[in-house]
Amino acid sequence: MSKREPWDFWVLGALRDGRPAHLKGVYAAVETLKGGGYVDPSSFGVDGRWGDRPDYTHVVRSTMSSLKKRGLVERLGKGKRTGVYRITDSGLKELSRIEP
């Protein structure tokens, strides 16, 4: 896996079931990886560059934007505070390609 692919895998994996998901749900899925040592623990700190949000939320948002541009996820709309996304068929194919 390339350096970028783990984040693609974790975000696409959070959307794997095909149901629409709020960005908060994706954050929660990534947080579950923290305990398994899959994500660098320093990603869960707050260094202030992005306000009071943990650093990994910026990476998730950036990854989601990249996946959307590549047609692997689609944005269905905006919830109260975060976007609502769903994995596409292309996203499911990419997920199976990069899955360990």
Protein backbone atom coordinates (compact mmCIF):
# COMPACT_ATOMS: atom_id res chain seq x y z
CA MET A 1 0.00 0.00 0.00
CA SER A 2 1.21 3.49 -0.78
CA LYS A 3 1.29 6.13 1.95
CA ARG A 4 -2.05 7.50 0.70
CA GLU A 5 -3.81 4.16 0.34
CA PRO A 6 -4.26 3.37 4.05
CA TRP A 7 -6.39 6.49 4.45
CA ASP A 8 -8.29 5.65 1.25
CA PHE A 9 -8.82 2.15 2.65
CA TRP A 10 -9.98 3.35 6.08
CA VAL A 11 -12.39 5.94 4.69
CA LEU A 12 -13.78 3.66 1.96
CA GLY A 13 -14.02 0.87 4.53
CA ALA A 14 -16.18 3.09 6.73
CA LEU A 15 -18.57 3.46 3.78
CA ARG A 16 -18.38 -0.18 2.65
CA ASP A 17 -21.99 -1.07 3.44
CA GLY A 18 -23.23 1.40 0.77
CA ARG A 19 -25.52 3.30 3.10
CA PRO A 20 -25.25 7.09 3.27
CA ALA A 21 -22.95 8.18 6.09
CA HIS A 22 -22.26 11.49 7.77
CA LEU A 23 -18.65 12.55 8.07
CA LYS A 24 -19.04 12.10 11.84
CA GLY A 25 -19.66 8.39 11.23
CA VAL A 26 -16.46 8.16 9.21
CA TYR A 27 -14.58 9.91 12.04
CA ALA A 28 -16.01 7.36 14.50
CA ALA A 29 -14.89 4.46 12.29
CA VAL A 30 -11.35 5.87 12.10
CA GLU A 31 -11.32 6.37 15.88
CA THR A 32 -11.91 2.62 16.31
CA LEU A 33 -8.62 2.03 14.46
CA LYS A 34 -6.73 4.04 17.07
CA GLY A 35 -6.75 1.20 19.57
CA GLY A 36 -5.42 -1.34 17.08
CA GLY A 37 -2.33 0.70 16.28
CA TYR A 38 -3.37 1.11 12.64
CA VAL A 39 -3.30 4.90 12.72
CA ASP A 40 -0.38 6.93 14.00
CA PRO A 41 -1.39 8.00 17.54
CA SER A 42 -0.03 11.49 16.91
CA SER A 43 -2.87 11.93 14.38
CA PHE A 44 -5.29 12.06 17.29
CA GLY A 45 -3.63 15.08 18.89
CA VAL A 46 -4.67 18.68 18.44
CA ASP A 47 -1.90 20.96 17.27
CA GLY A 48 -4.11 23.98 16.58
CA ARG A 49 -3.53 24.24 12.83
CA TRP A 50 -7.17 23.33 12.19
CA GLY A 51 -8.76 24.86 15.26
CA ASP A 52 -9.72 22.55 18.08
CA ARG A 53 -10.37 19.50 15.85
CA PRO A 54 -8.10 16.47 16.14
CA ASP A 55 -5.56 16.38 13.33
CA TYR A 56 -6.94 13.16 11.80
CA THR A 57 -10.23 14.91 10.98
CA HIS A 58 -8.37 17.12 8.51
CA VAL A 59 -6.82 14.03 6.89
CA VAL A 60 -10.24 12.34 6.68
CA ARG A 61 -11.78 15.44 5.07
CA SER A 62 -8.88 15.72 2.62
CA THR A 63 -9.12 12.02 1.78
CA MET A 64 -12.88 12.30 1.29
CA SER A 65 -12.35 15.21 -1.11
CA SER A 66 -9.78 13.21 -3.07
CA LEU A 67 -12.06 10.15 -3.22
CA LYS A 68 -14.94 12.33 -4.42
CA LYS A 69 -12.82 13.87 -7.20
CA ARG A 70 -11.82 10.36 -8.30
CA GLY A 71 -15.46 9.21 -8.38
CA LEU A 72 -15.03 6.71 -5.55
CA VAL A 73 -17.54 8.40 -3.25
CA GLU A 74 -20.43 10.74 -3.91
CA ARG A 75 -21.64 13.56 -1.74
CA LEU A 76 -25.37 13.26 -1.24
CA GLY A 77 -25.85 16.53 0.59
CA LYS A 78 -25.12 18.29 3.81
CA GLY A 79 -26.32 17.19 7.20
CA LYS A 80 -26.60 19.58 10.15
CA ARG A 81 -22.85 20.02 10.50
CA THR A 82 -21.10 17.63 8.10
CA GLY A 83 -21.55 16.24 4.61
CA VAL A 84 -23.34 13.00 3.82
CA TYR A 85 -21.47 10.57 1.56
CA ARG A 86 -21.92 7.16 -0.07
CA ILE A 87 -19.41 4.83 -1.71
CA THR A 88 -19.83 4.30 -5.47
CA ASP A 89 -19.42 1.06 -7.42
CA SER A 90 -15.97 2.32 -8.48
CA GLY A 91 -15.20 2.89 -4.80
CA LEU A 92 -16.14 -0.68 -3.94
CA LYS A 93 -13.83 -1.94 -6.71
CA GLU A 94 -10.99 0.24 -5.45
CA LEU A 95 -11.58 -0.96 -1.89
CA SER A 96 -11.32 -4.58 -2.98
CA ARG A 97 -8.14 -3.75 -4.94
CA ILE A 98 -6.32 -2.13 -2.00
CA GLU A 99 -7.69 -4.39 0.73
CA PRO A 100 -4.87 -6.28 2.42
